[in-house]
């Protein structure tokens, strides 16, 4: 006759154990409690500040006292729409953002393709580190390094002087060039991820069916990698659209949207007009995100 198995006493029902049992039976409540703190921070710090900015865009600045008057109206948006200077600034900013995005796509595609389809695992790892390494250094360090390169007595003019050539100096071309360098990693990485997901069997099948390299690229690789390129363009376009430091360092008297917001707040003290300009940039970005979503960019992220 076997000995009876001893029964262990039940653990004491402490408040902590009762709470753990209560939460274990309610997984949705667990998720809600985990997200409560970050969601509260998001609502108060981010969405709350946007709401305050939106309200400020409808105020106006008294031209005599330079005081912000809390009278609600559309005068700031009307000033932006009707002012030729402001429209020019908006179009100039959109143009430079589009030019940076296209340039980054052209430069990033062969690099990403080599990393995804040609390089060995060891070389691929080294290339990924090389792409990420510029992101480890300070934004201002990179910008001022380019300033040293492009200035009149800089390295670029020193290299080109024997050929009777000179660099672009400072201005829109220099702004475009440095923006393209700064945001290039944000285009390479999404493209690399998109190209890596393309099965090699598709490329082999295209070759077996008689398609050459260019036809395979145009009919197979490019359509499958295009959503990843659009996903990368979200970063390059938005970062260029809102930046004001680099145009301040390399630019001339031609302003960009970010500079206009900074000038209206820091120099003119016109917070309502600066808030209206901010929402112009946000509206442009929302339209861009809508177009990117239709092109499948969010599925590629």
C-alpha atoms as a PDB file:
ATOM      1  CA  UNK A   1       0.000   0.000   0.000  1.00  0.00           C
ATOM      2  CA  UNK A   2       1.616   3.259  -1.188  1.00  0.00           C
ATOM      3  CA  UNK A   3       2.073   6.122   1.155  1.00  0.00           C
ATOM      4  CA  UNK A   4      -0.295   9.067   0.699  1.00  0.00           C
ATOM      5  CA  UNK A   5       1.174  12.097  -1.091  1.00  0.00           C
ATOM      6  CA  UNK A   6       1.474  14.951   1.377  1.00  0.00           C
ATOM      7  CA  UNK A   7      -0.663  17.966   0.532  1.00  0.00           C
ATOM      8  CA  UNK A   8       1.184  21.278   0.444  1.00  0.00           C
ATOM      9  CA  UNK A   9      -0.548  24.145   2.207  1.00  0.00           C
ATOM     10  CA  UNK A  10      -1.973  26.860  -0.039  1.00  0.00           C
ATOM     11  CA  UNK A  11       0.162  30.010  -0.199  1.00  0.00           C
ATOM     12  CA  UNK A  12      -1.140  32.885   1.861  1.00  0.00           C
ATOM     13  CA  UNK A  13      -3.483  35.223  -0.017  1.00  0.00           C
ATOM     14  CA  UNK A  14      -1.404  38.380   0.215  1.00  0.00           C
ATOM     15  CA  UNK A  15      -2.605  41.622  -1.446  1.00  0.00           C
ATOM     16  CA  UNK A  16       0.135  41.297  -4.076  1.00  0.00           C
ATOM     17  CA  UNK A  17      -0.905  37.737  -4.954  1.00  0.00           C
ATOM     18  CA  UNK A  18      -4.563  38.727  -5.165  1.00  0.00           C
ATOM     19  CA  UNK A  19      -3.657  41.596  -7.489  1.00  0.00           C
ATOM     20  CA  UNK A  20      -1.534  39.306  -9.670  1.00  0.00           C
ATOM     21  CA  UNK A  21      -4.410  36.813  -9.910  1.00  0.00           C
ATOM     22  CA  UNK A  22      -6.834  39.614 -10.749  1.00  0.00           C
ATOM     23  CA  UNK A  23      -4.606  40.918 -13.552  1.00  0.00           C
ATOM     24  CA  UNK A  24      -3.806  37.444 -14.871  1.00  0.00           C
ATOM     25  CA  UNK A  25      -7.488  36.861 -15.567  1.00  0.00           C
ATOM     26  CA  UNK A  26      -7.805  40.191 -17.401  1.00  0.00           C
ATOM     27  CA  UNK A  27      -5.117  40.461 -20.133  1.00  0.00           C
ATOM     28  CA  UNK A  28      -6.710  43.544 -21.713  1.00  0.00           C
ATOM     29  CA  UNK A  29      -6.444  45.376 -18.420  1.00  0.00           C
ATOM     30  CA  UNK A  30      -2.755  44.408 -18.240  1.00  0.00           C
ATOM     31  CA  UNK A  31      -2.115  45.951 -21.653  1.00  0.00           C
ATOM     32  CA  UNK A  32      -4.065  49.053 -20.672  1.00  0.00           C
ATOM     33  CA  UNK A  33      -2.038  49.548 -17.502  1.00  0.00           C
ATOM     34  CA  UNK A  34       1.238  49.027 -19.372  1.00  0.00           C
ATOM     35  CA  UNK A  35       0.307  51.641 -21.967  1.00  0.00           C
ATOM     36  CA  UNK A  36      -1.254  54.098 -19.523  1.00  0.00           C
ATOM     37  CA  UNK A  37       1.962  56.002 -18.696  1.00  0.00           C
ATOM     38  CA  UNK A  38       3.331  56.379 -22.263  1.00  0.00           C
ATOM     39  CA  UNK A  39      -0.114  57.202 -23.658  1.00  0.00           C
ATOM     40  CA  UNK A  40      -0.618  59.847 -20.982  1.00  0.00           C
ATOM     41  CA  UNK A  41       2.744  61.352 -21.866  1.00  0.00           C
ATOM     42  CA  UNK A  42       1.855  61.257 -25.582  1.00  0.00           C
ATOM     43  CA  UNK A  43      -1.486  62.969 -25.041  1.00  0.00           C
ATOM     44  CA  UNK A  44      -0.206  65.640 -22.659  1.00  0.00           C
ATOM     45  CA  UNK A  45       3.248  66.420 -24.075  1.00  0.00           C
ATOM     46  CA  UNK A  46       2.816  65.775 -27.789  1.00  0.00           C
ATOM     47  CA  UNK A  47      -0.828  66.055 -28.729  1.00  0.00           C
ATOM     48  CA  UNK A  48      -1.387  68.706 -26.078  1.00  0.00           C
ATOM     49  CA  UNK A  49       1.408  70.879 -27.472  1.00  0.00           C
ATOM     50  CA  UNK A  50       0.036  70.445 -30.999  1.00  0.00           C
ATOM     51  CA  UNK A  51      -3.407  71.485 -29.797  1.00  0.00           C
ATOM     52  CA  UNK A  52      -1.946  74.599 -28.144  1.00  0.00           C
ATOM     53  CA  UNK A  53      -0.026  75.370 -31.332  1.00  0.00           C
ATOM     54  CA  UNK A  54      -3.192  74.959 -33.387  1.00  0.00           C
ATOM     55  CA  UNK A  55      -5.066  77.398 -31.164  1.00  0.00           C
ATOM     56  CA  UNK A  56      -2.181  79.903 -31.332  1.00  0.00           C
ATOM     57  CA  UNK A  57      -2.319  79.869 -35.134  1.00  0.00           C
ATOM     58  CA  UNK A  58      -5.675  81.661 -34.966  1.00  0.00           C
ATOM     59  CA  UNK A  59      -4.430  84.466 -32.712  1.00  0.00           C
ATOM     60  CA  UNK A  60      -2.919  87.671 -34.062  1.00  0.00           C
ATOM     61  CA  UNK A  61      -0.067  90.010 -33.249  1.00  0.00           C
ATOM     62  CA  UNK A  62      -0.922  93.624 -32.487  1.00  0.00           C
ATOM     63  CA  UNK A  63       1.261  95.710 -34.857  1.00  0.00           C
ATOM     64  CA  UNK A  64       1.483  98.635 -32.407  1.00  0.00           C
ATOM     65  CA  UNK A  65       2.176  96.899 -29.098  1.00  0.00           C
ATOM     66  CA  UNK A  66       3.724  93.667 -30.479  1.00  0.00           C
ATOM     67  CA  UNK A  67       1.502  91.799 -28.053  1.00  0.00           C
ATOM     68  CA  UNK A  68      -0.275  88.562 -28.957  1.00  0.00           C
ATOM     69  CA  UNK A  69      -4.015  89.246 -29.033  1.00  0.00           C
ATOM     70  CA  UNK A  70      -6.267  86.255 -28.358  1.00  0.00           C
ATOM     71  CA  UNK A  71      -8.762  87.141 -31.069  1.00  0.00           C
ATOM     72  CA  UNK A  72      -9.586  84.175 -33.242  1.00  0.00           C
ATOM     73  CA  UNK A  73      -9.447  84.514 -37.006  1.00  0.00           C
ATOM     74  CA  UNK A  74      -7.859  83.223 -40.215  1.00  0.00           C
ATOM     75  CA  UNK A  75      -5.661  86.260 -40.806  1.00  0.00           C
ATOM     76  CA  UNK A  76      -2.371  84.329 -40.400  1.00  0.00           C
ATOM     77  CA  UNK A  77      -3.347  81.678 -42.942  1.00  0.00           C
ATOM     78  CA  UNK A  78      -4.632  84.418 -45.247  1.00  0.00           C
ATOM     79  CA  UNK A  79      -1.267  86.182 -44.969  1.00  0.00           C
ATOM     80  CA  UNK A  80       0.561  82.994 -45.960  1.00  0.00           C
ATOM     81  CA  UNK A  81      -1.733  82.239 -48.906  1.00  0.00           C
ATOM     82  CA  UNK A  82      -1.822  85.776 -50.260  1.00  0.00           C
ATOM     83  CA  UNK A  83       1.836  86.644 -49.683  1.00  0.00           C
ATOM     84  CA  UNK A  84       4.046  85.891 -52.676  1.00  0.00           C
ATOM     85  CA  UNK A  85       7.111  85.676 -50.452  1.00  0.00           C
ATOM     86  CA  UNK A  86       5.557  83.041 -48.220  1.00  0.00           C
ATOM     87  CA  UNK A  87       4.365  80.946 -51.157  1.00  0.00           C
ATOM     88  CA  UNK A  88       7.862  81.115 -52.650  1.00  0.00           C
ATOM     89  CA  UNK A  89       9.368  79.927 -49.359  1.00  0.00           C
ATOM     90  CA  UNK A  90       6.948  76.994 -49.224  1.00  0.00           C
ATOM     91  CA  UNK A  91       7.639  75.954 -52.829  1.00  0.00           C
ATOM     92  CA  UNK A  92      11.389  76.352 -52.344  1.00  0.00           C
ATOM     93  CA  UNK A  93      11.286  74.075 -49.285  1.00  0.00           C
ATOM     94  CA  UNK A  94       9.179  71.460 -51.073  1.00  0.00           C
ATOM     95  CA  UNK A  95      11.538  71.601 -54.048  1.00  0.00           C
ATOM     96  CA  UNK A  96      14.689  71.080 -52.001  1.00  0.00           C
ATOM     97  CA  UNK A  97      13.034  68.262 -50.044  1.00  0.00           C
ATOM     98  CA  UNK A  98      12.002  66.539 -53.292  1.00  0.00           C
ATOM     99  CA  UNK A  99      15.484  67.027 -54.797  1.00  0.00           C
ATOM    100  CA  UNK A 100      17.146  65.541 -51.707  1.00  0.00           C
ATOM    101  CA  UNK A 101      14.750  62.586 -51.775  1.00  0.00           C
ATOM    102  CA  UNK A 102      15.391  61.825 -55.465  1.00  0.00           C
ATOM    103  CA  UNK A 103      19.162  62.143 -55.050  1.00  0.00           C
ATOM    104  CA  UNK A 104      19.155  59.828 -52.034  1.00  0.00           C
ATOM    105  CA  UNK A 105      17.091  57.262 -53.947  1.00  0.00           C
ATOM    106  CA  UNK A 106      19.550  57.282 -56.861  1.00  0.00           C
ATOM    107  CA  UNK A 107      22.597  56.972 -54.598  1.00  0.00           C
ATOM    108  CA  UNK A 108      21.090  54.492 -52.138  1.00  0.00           C
ATOM    109  CA  UNK A 109      19.666  51.965 -54.593  1.00  0.00           C
ATOM    110  CA  UNK A 110      22.959  50.448 -55.890  1.00  0.00           C
ATOM    111  CA  UNK A 111      24.435  50.445 -52.388  1.00  0.00           C
ATOM    112  CA  UNK A 112      21.375  48.707 -50.922  1.00  0.00           C
ATOM    113  CA  UNK A 113      21.217  46.226 -53.814  1.00  0.00           C
ATOM    114  CA  UNK A 114      24.867  45.278 -53.379  1.00  0.00           C
ATOM    115  CA  UNK A 115      24.341  44.808 -49.642  1.00  0.00           C
ATOM    116  CA  UNK A 116      21.213  42.686 -50.096  1.00  0.00           C
ATOM    117  CA  UNK A 117      22.026  40.544 -53.137  1.00  0.00           C
ATOM    118  CA  UNK A 118      25.753  40.589 -53.906  1.00  0.00           C
ATOM    119  CA  UNK A 119      27.858  41.048 -50.767  1.00  0.00           C
ATOM    120  CA  UNK A 120      28.919  38.137 -48.592  1.00  0.00           C
ATOM    121  CA  UNK A 121      27.562  38.016 -45.030  1.00  0.00           C
ATOM    122  CA  UNK A 122      30.828  39.397 -43.648  1.00  0.00           C
ATOM    123  CA  UNK A 123      30.992  42.275 -46.139  1.00  0.00           C
ATOM    124  CA  UNK A 124      27.266  42.935 -45.635  1.00  0.00           C
ATOM    125  CA  UNK A 125      27.809  43.340 -41.900  1.00  0.00           C
ATOM    126  CA  UNK A 126      30.702  45.746 -42.482  1.00  0.00           C
ATOM    127  CA  UNK A 127      28.631  47.793 -44.909  1.00  0.00           C
ATOM    128  CA  UNK A 128      25.728  48.022 -42.461  1.00  0.00           C
ATOM    129  CA  UNK A 129      28.134  49.318 -39.812  1.00  0.00           C
ATOM    130  CA  UNK A 130      29.552  51.804 -42.339  1.00  0.00           C
ATOM    131  CA  UNK A 131      26.052  53.063 -43.164  1.00  0.00           C
ATOM    132  CA  UNK A 132      25.112  53.409 -39.492  1.00  0.00           C
ATOM    133  CA  UNK A 133      28.384  54.949 -38.354  1.00  0.00           C
ATOM    134  CA  UNK A 134      27.596  58.526 -39.527  1.00  0.00           C
ATOM    135  CA  UNK A 135      24.446  58.410 -37.376  1.00  0.00           C
ATOM    136  CA  UNK A 136      26.612  57.981 -34.276  1.00  0.00           C
ATOM    137  CA  UNK A 137      28.238  61.391 -34.686  1.00  0.00           C
ATOM    138  CA  UNK A 138      26.641  64.718 -33.869  1.00  0.00           C
ATOM    139  CA  UNK A 139      24.468  66.462 -36.430  1.00  0.00           C
ATOM    140  CA  UNK A 140      26.321  69.760 -35.925  1.00  0.00           C
ATOM    141  CA  UNK A 141      29.734  68.097 -36.208  1.00  0.00           C
ATOM    142  CA  UNK A 142      28.824  66.747 -39.644  1.00  0.00           C
ATOM    143  CA  UNK A 143      27.299  70.041 -40.779  1.00  0.00           C
ATOM    144  CA  UNK A 144      30.311  72.113 -39.754  1.00  0.00           C
ATOM    145  CA  UNK A 145      32.667  69.538 -41.289  1.00  0.00           C
ATOM    146  CA  UNK A 146      30.876  70.124 -44.599  1.00  0.00           C
ATOM    147  CA  UNK A 147      31.147  73.862 -44.030  1.00  0.00           C
ATOM    148  CA  UNK A 148      34.924  73.488 -43.800  1.00  0.00           C
ATOM    149  CA  UNK A 149      34.895  71.447 -47.024  1.00  0.00           C
ATOM    150  CA  UNK A 150      32.720  73.846 -49.031  1.00  0.00           C
ATOM    151  CA  UNK A 151      33.978  77.227 -47.844  1.00  0.00           C
ATOM    152  CA  UNK A 152      36.017  79.443 -50.159  1.00  0.00           C
ATOM    153  CA  UNK A 153      39.368  78.296 -48.729  1.00  0.00           C
ATOM    154  CA  UNK A 154      38.086  74.763 -48.140  1.00  0.00           C
ATOM    155  CA  UNK A 155      39.354  71.363 -49.175  1.00  0.00           C
ATOM    156  CA  UNK A 156      37.065  71.059 -52.207  1.00  0.00           C
ATOM    157  CA  UNK A 157      38.292  74.271 -53.833  1.00  0.00           C
ATOM    158  CA  UNK A 158      41.885  73.270 -53.035  1.00  0.00           C
ATOM    159  CA  UNK A 159      41.411  69.966 -54.883  1.00  0.00           C
ATOM    160  CA  UNK A 160      39.614  71.568 -57.854  1.00  0.00           C
ATOM    161  CA  UNK A 161      41.876  74.615 -58.253  1.00  0.00           C
ATOM    162  CA  UNK A 162      44.489  72.840 -60.485  1.00  0.00           C
ATOM    163  CA  UNK A 163      41.653  72.163 -62.965  1.00  0.00           C
ATOM    164  CA  UNK A 164      40.417  75.784 -62.860  1.00  0.00           C
ATOM    165  CA  UNK A 165      37.225  74.620 -61.169  1.00  0.00           C
ATOM    166  CA  UNK A 166      35.549  75.591 -57.923  1.00  0.00           C
ATOM    167  CA  UNK A 167      32.957  74.119 -55.586  1.00  0.00           C
ATOM    168  CA  UNK A 168      29.374  75.285 -55.163  1.00  0.00           C
ATOM    169  CA  UNK A 169      30.184  77.489 -52.175  1.00  0.00           C
ATOM    170  CA  UNK A 170      27.225  78.300 -49.952  1.00  0.00           C
ATOM    171  CA  UNK A 171      23.646  78.467 -51.193  1.00  0.00           C
ATOM    172  CA  UNK A 172      20.889  76.173 -52.406  1.00  0.00           C
ATOM    173  CA  UNK A 173      23.254  73.699 -54.092  1.00  0.00           C
ATOM    174  CA  UNK A 174      25.343  73.347 -50.933  1.00  0.00           C
ATOM    175  CA  UNK A 175      22.179  72.959 -48.865  1.00  0.00           C
ATOM    176  CA  UNK A 176      20.949  70.202 -51.192  1.00  0.00           C
ATOM    177  CA  UNK A 177      24.334  68.455 -51.158  1.00  0.00           C
ATOM    178  CA  UNK A 178      24.683  68.382 -47.360  1.00  0.00           C
ATOM    179  CA  UNK A 179      21.042  67.355 -46.856  1.00  0.00           C
ATOM    180  CA  UNK A 180      21.601  64.480 -49.299  1.00  0.00           C
ATOM    181  CA  UNK A 181      24.612  63.318 -47.307  1.00  0.00           C
ATOM    182  CA  UNK A 182      22.906  63.646 -43.927  1.00  0.00           C
ATOM    183  CA  UNK A 183      19.757  61.681 -44.748  1.00  0.00           C
ATOM    184  CA  UNK A 184      21.323  59.027 -47.031  1.00  0.00           C
ATOM    185  CA  UNK A 185      21.393  56.303 -44.308  1.00  0.00           C
ATOM    186  CA  UNK A 186      17.631  56.769 -43.798  1.00  0.00           C
ATOM    187  CA  UNK A 187      17.140  55.810 -47.448  1.00  0.00           C
ATOM    188  CA  UNK A 188      19.683  52.988 -47.619  1.00  0.00           C
ATOM    189  CA  UNK A 189      18.319  50.996 -44.690  1.00  0.00           C
ATOM    190  CA  UNK A 190      14.645  50.748 -45.829  1.00  0.00           C
ATOM    191  CA  UNK A 191      15.786  49.955 -49.379  1.00  0.00           C
ATOM    192  CA  UNK A 192      18.136  47.265 -48.078  1.00  0.00           C
ATOM    193  CA  UNK A 193      15.327  45.713 -46.045  1.00  0.00           C
ATOM    194  CA  UNK A 194      12.977  45.784 -49.051  1.00  0.00           C
ATOM    195  CA  UNK A 195      15.534  44.328 -51.470  1.00  0.00           C
ATOM    196  CA  UNK A 196      16.530  41.603 -49.021  1.00  0.00           C
ATOM    197  CA  UNK A 197      12.918  40.371 -48.943  1.00  0.00           C
ATOM    198  CA  UNK A 198      12.863  39.810 -52.711  1.00  0.00           C
ATOM    199  CA  UNK A 199      13.315  36.046 -53.262  1.00  0.00           C
ATOM    200  CA  UNK A 200      16.376  35.208 -55.320  1.00  0.00           C
ATOM    201  CA  UNK A 201      14.252  32.649 -57.169  1.00  0.00           C
ATOM    202  CA  UNK A 202      12.336  35.492 -58.825  1.00  0.00           C
ATOM    203  CA  UNK A 203      15.542  36.902 -60.269  1.00  0.00           C
ATOM    204  CA  UNK A 204      16.600  33.462 -61.446  1.00  0.00           C
ATOM    205  CA  UNK A 205      13.186  32.842 -63.001  1.00  0.00           C
ATOM    206  CA  UNK A 206      13.384  36.148 -64.857  1.00  0.00           C
ATOM    207  CA  UNK A 207      16.799  35.195 -66.201  1.00  0.00           C
ATOM    208  CA  UNK A 208      15.559  31.720 -67.212  1.00  0.00           C
ATOM    209  CA  UNK A 209      12.719  33.332 -69.180  1.00  0.00           C
ATOM    210  CA  UNK A 210      15.247  35.290 -71.232  1.00  0.00           C
ATOM    211  CA  UNK A 211      15.103  38.685 -69.506  1.00  0.00           C
ATOM    212  CA  UNK A 212      18.328  40.626 -69.368  1.00  0.00           C
ATOM    213  CA  UNK A 213      19.647  42.500 -66.373  1.00  0.00           C
ATOM    214  CA  UNK A 214      17.950  45.810 -67.227  1.00  0.00           C
ATOM    215  CA  UNK A 215      14.589  44.155 -67.968  1.00  0.00           C
ATOM    216  CA  UNK A 216      14.764  42.170 -64.724  1.00  0.00           C
ATOM    217  CA  UNK A 217      15.535  45.327 -62.813  1.00  0.00           C
ATOM    218  CA  UNK A 218      12.699  47.266 -64.457  1.00  0.00           C
ATOM    219  CA  UNK A 219      10.016  44.563 -64.336  1.00  0.00           C
ATOM    220  CA  UNK A 220      10.905  42.629 -61.153  1.00  0.00           C
ATOM    221  CA  UNK A 221      13.279  44.443 -58.802  1.00  0.00           C
ATOM    222  CA  UNK A 222      12.032  48.008 -59.135  1.00  0.00           C
ATOM    223  CA  UNK A 223       8.288  47.311 -58.600  1.00  0.00           C
ATOM    224  CA  UNK A 224       9.005  45.136 -55.558  1.00  0.00           C
ATOM    225  CA  UNK A 225      11.495  47.596 -54.044  1.00  0.00           C
ATOM    226  CA  UNK A 226       9.505  50.739 -54.834  1.00  0.00           C
ATOM    227  CA  UNK A 227       7.403  50.671 -51.615  1.00  0.00           C
ATOM    228  CA  UNK A 228      10.621  50.464 -49.590  1.00  0.00           C
ATOM    229  CA  UNK A 229      12.015  53.457 -51.501  1.00  0.00           C
ATOM    230  CA  UNK A 230       8.835  55.412 -50.744  1.00  0.00           C
ATOM    231  CA  UNK A 231       9.159  54.427 -47.076  1.00  0.00           C
ATOM    232  CA  UNK A 232      12.697  55.814 -47.033  1.00  0.00           C
ATOM    233  CA  UNK A 233      11.503  58.977 -48.747  1.00  0.00           C
ATOM    234  CA  UNK A 234       9.214  59.679 -45.782  1.00  0.00           C
ATOM    235  CA  UNK A 235      12.315  60.211 -43.647  1.00  0.00           C
ATOM    236  CA  UNK A 236      14.331  62.206 -46.188  1.00  0.00           C
ATOM    237  CA  UNK A 237      11.400  64.430 -47.180  1.00  0.00           C
ATOM    238  CA  UNK A 238      10.130  65.151 -43.664  1.00  0.00           C
ATOM    239  CA  UNK A 239      13.593  65.747 -42.175  1.00  0.00           C
ATOM    240  CA  UNK A 240      14.451  68.201 -44.948  1.00  0.00           C
ATOM    241  CA  UNK A 241      11.080  69.910 -44.719  1.00  0.00           C
ATOM    242  CA  UNK A 242      11.427  70.839 -41.056  1.00  0.00           C
ATOM    243  CA  UNK A 243      15.147  71.514 -40.744  1.00  0.00           C
ATOM    244  CA  UNK A 244      16.229  75.094 -40.102  1.00  0.00           C
ATOM    245  CA  UNK A 245      19.799  74.741 -38.797  1.00  0.00           C
ATOM    246  CA  UNK A 246      21.484  73.599 -41.998  1.00  0.00           C
ATOM    247  CA  UNK A 247      19.872  76.258 -44.250  1.00  0.00           C
ATOM    248  CA  UNK A 248      20.890  78.831 -41.643  1.00  0.00           C
ATOM    249  CA  UNK A 249      24.528  77.717 -41.912  1.00  0.00           C
ATOM    250  CA  UNK A 250      24.788  77.116 -45.670  1.00  0.00           C
ATOM    251  CA  UNK A 251      21.997  79.245 -47.041  1.00  0.00           C
ATOM    252  CA  UNK A 252      21.817  82.810 -48.237  1.00  0.00           C
ATOM    253  CA  UNK A 253      18.984  85.303 -47.898  1.00  0.00           C
ATOM    254  CA  UNK A 254      16.577  82.738 -49.396  1.00  0.00           C
ATOM    255  CA  UNK A 255      14.636  81.265 -46.489  1.00  0.00           C
ATOM    256  CA  UNK A 256      13.022  77.850 -45.950  1.00  0.00           C
ATOM    257  CA  UNK A 257       9.965  76.889 -43.911  1.00  0.00           C
ATOM    258  CA  UNK A 258      11.947  75.874 -40.853  1.00  0.00           C
ATOM    259  CA  UNK A 259      13.886  79.126 -40.927  1.00  0.00           C
ATOM    260  CA  UNK A 260      10.666  81.084 -41.323  1.00  0.00           C
ATOM    261  CA  UNK A 261       9.169  79.492 -38.204  1.00  0.00           C
ATOM    262  CA  UNK A 262      12.384  80.117 -36.245  1.00  0.00           C
ATOM    263  CA  UNK A 263      12.576  83.738 -37.445  1.00  0.00           C
ATOM    264  CA  UNK A 264       8.961  84.507 -36.594  1.00  0.00           C
ATOM    265  CA  UNK A 265       9.364  83.117 -33.061  1.00  0.00           C
ATOM    266  CA  UNK A 266      12.918  84.146 -32.177  1.00  0.00           C
ATOM    267  CA  UNK A 267      13.306  87.423 -34.074  1.00  0.00           C
ATOM    268  CA  UNK A 268       9.904  88.886 -34.896  1.00  0.00           C
ATOM    269  CA  UNK A 269       8.150  87.461 -31.854  1.00  0.00           C
ATOM    270  CA  UNK A 270       5.126  86.602 -33.994  1.00  0.00           C
ATOM    271  CA  UNK A 271       4.041  83.315 -32.431  1.00  0.00           C
ATOM    272  CA  UNK A 272       0.653  83.158 -34.254  1.00  0.00           C
ATOM    273  CA  UNK A 273       2.226  83.434 -37.717  1.00  0.00           C
ATOM    274  CA  UNK A 274       4.933  80.916 -36.755  1.00  0.00           C
ATOM    275  CA  UNK A 275       2.234  78.484 -35.599  1.00  0.00           C
ATOM    276  CA  UNK A 276       0.395  78.933 -38.901  1.00  0.00           C
ATOM    277  CA  UNK A 277       3.620  78.210 -40.810  1.00  0.00           C
ATOM    278  CA  UNK A 278       4.093  75.075 -38.708  1.00  0.00           C
ATOM    279  CA  UNK A 279       0.699  73.798 -39.767  1.00  0.00           C
ATOM    280  CA  UNK A 280       1.533  74.513 -43.410  1.00  0.00           C
ATOM    281  CA  UNK A 281       4.499  72.153 -43.052  1.00  0.00           C
ATOM    282  CA  UNK A 282       2.314  69.606 -41.250  1.00  0.00           C
ATOM    283  CA  UNK A 283      -0.324  69.797 -43.983  1.00  0.00           C
ATOM    284  CA  UNK A 284       2.327  69.181 -46.642  1.00  0.00           C
ATOM    285  CA  UNK A 285       3.619  66.194 -44.693  1.00  0.00           C
ATOM    286  CA  UNK A 286       0.142  64.754 -44.183  1.00  0.00           C
ATOM    287  CA  UNK A 287      -0.480  64.920 -47.929  1.00  0.00           C
ATOM    288  CA  UNK A 288       2.866  63.219 -48.513  1.00  0.00           C
ATOM    289  CA  UNK A 289       2.075  60.484 -45.997  1.00  0.00           C
ATOM    290  CA  UNK A 290      -1.288  59.911 -47.675  1.00  0.00           C
ATOM    291  CA  UNK A 291       0.409  59.484 -51.052  1.00  0.00           C
ATOM    292  CA  UNK A 292       3.052  57.206 -49.499  1.00  0.00           C
ATOM    293  CA  UNK A 293       0.355  55.044 -47.932  1.00  0.00           C
ATOM    294  CA  UNK A 294      -1.348  54.590 -51.295  1.00  0.00           C
ATOM    295  CA  UNK A 295       2.008  53.516 -52.770  1.00  0.00           C
ATOM    296  CA  UNK A 296       2.408  50.805 -50.108  1.00  0.00           C
ATOM    297  CA  UNK A 297       5.157  52.449 -48.056  1.00  0.00           C
ATOM    298  CA  UNK A 298       3.722  51.448 -44.676  1.00  0.00           C
ATOM    299  CA  UNK A 299       3.652  47.760 -45.659  1.00  0.00           C
ATOM    300  CA  UNK A 300       7.371  48.023 -46.471  1.00  0.00           C
ATOM    301  CA  UNK A 301       8.333  49.394 -43.034  1.00  0.00           C
END
